[in-house]
Protein backbone atom coordinates (compact mmCIF):
# COMPACT_ATOMS: atom_id res chain seq x y z
CA MET A 1 142.31 129.85 129.25
CA PHE A 2 143.98 128.28 132.28
CA SER A 3 140.76 127.86 134.24
CA GLY A 4 139.28 125.83 131.38
CA LEU A 5 142.38 123.68 131.10
CA LYS A 6 142.53 123.15 134.86
CA SER A 7 138.91 122.04 135.06
CA ARG A 8 139.45 119.41 132.35
CA ASN A 9 142.94 118.27 133.34
CA THR A 10 143.07 114.74 134.70
CA GLY A 11 146.84 114.79 135.12
CA GLY A 12 147.72 113.68 131.63
CA LEU A 13 148.04 117.09 130.01
CA VAL A 14 151.29 117.59 128.11
CA GLY A 15 152.46 119.93 125.40
CA VAL A 16 154.57 122.93 124.57
CA MET A 17 153.47 126.55 124.87
CA HIS A 18 154.93 127.56 121.53
CA HIS A 19 156.98 130.77 121.25
CA PHE A 20 156.57 131.82 124.90
CA LEU A 21 156.62 135.59 125.40
CA GLY A 22 154.42 135.84 128.50
CA ASP A 23 154.96 136.98 132.05
CA GLU A 24 156.07 134.88 135.02
CA TRP A 25 152.49 134.18 136.13
CA PHE A 26 151.67 132.72 132.71
CA ALA A 27 154.87 130.65 132.74
CA ARG A 28 154.13 129.19 136.18
CA GLU A 29 150.51 128.40 135.28
CA ALA A 30 151.59 126.60 132.11
CA LEU A 31 154.33 124.65 133.89
CA ASP A 32 151.97 123.68 136.72
CA LEU A 33 149.59 122.19 134.16
CA GLY A 34 152.36 120.05 132.66
CA PHE A 35 153.35 122.15 129.69
CA GLN A 36 156.87 122.98 128.61
CA LEU A 37 157.73 126.46 127.37
CA GLY A 38 159.12 127.06 123.90
CA ILE A 39 161.83 129.72 123.96
CA ALA A 40 162.67 131.24 120.58
CA GLY A 41 164.85 133.92 119.01
CA PRO A 42 163.17 136.95 120.64
CA ILE A 43 164.94 136.11 123.90
CA THR A 44 168.09 137.48 122.20
CA PHE A 45 166.54 140.87 121.42
CA LYS A 46 167.95 143.90 123.22
CA ASN A 47 164.53 144.77 124.70
CA SER A 48 163.90 141.26 126.10
CA ASP A 49 165.45 141.73 129.55
CA ALA A 50 162.18 140.85 131.30
CA LEU A 51 161.82 137.63 129.32
CA ARG A 52 165.41 136.62 130.08
CA ASP A 53 164.86 137.31 133.80
CA ILE A 54 161.76 135.08 133.81
CA VAL A 55 163.47 132.25 131.96
CA LYS A 56 166.47 132.35 134.33
CA ARG A 57 164.12 131.49 137.22
CA LEU A 58 162.54 128.49 135.49
CA ASP A 59 163.60 124.86 135.48
CA ILE A 60 165.76 124.42 132.38
CA ARG A 61 164.40 120.87 132.00
CA ARG A 62 160.98 122.38 131.22
CA LEU A 63 162.22 124.64 128.39
CA VAL A 64 162.31 123.83 124.69
CA LEU A 65 164.65 125.77 122.43
CA GLU A 66 162.67 126.65 119.33
CA THR A 67 164.46 127.34 116.10
CA ASP A 68 161.50 127.40 113.75
CA CYS A 69 161.68 129.76 110.84
CA PRO A 70 161.04 132.26 109.50
CA TYR A 71 159.83 134.66 112.21
CA ALA A 72 161.44 133.46 115.42
CA SER A 73 164.99 134.28 114.43
CA PRO A 74 167.61 135.41 116.94
CA PHE A 75 169.10 138.89 116.83
CA PRO A 76 170.51 140.27 114.48
CA SER A 77 168.83 138.31 111.69
CA ALA A 78 165.32 138.91 113.03
CA ALA A 79 164.91 142.05 110.97
CA SER A 80 164.20 139.86 107.97
CA ALA A 81 162.77 136.43 107.47
CA THR A 82 165.31 133.70 108.09
CA SER A 83 166.66 131.96 105.05
CA ARG A 84 169.54 129.62 104.35
CA ALA A 85 171.46 132.60 102.98
CA VAL A 86 171.43 134.30 106.40
CA TRP A 87 173.24 131.36 107.97
CA GLN A 88 175.75 130.66 105.19
């Protein structure tokens, strides 16, 4: 994917890698191309230590906090689809 984007990039590439769950290599490649990384609810999961470690090393100005529903909910509500009732 990145090789194709790199070969066609003329410096004007922008966007958000939605719901980022990748490794540090993927994060750096996306950022180098001009993308921002969307960070969603799974970063709060107990088993997301690796993701939190990656995000800590990235430029916060290149991160987008995603709150889209229903399947990117933070812990503990992630066990079910998010609804208004969960947050009331």
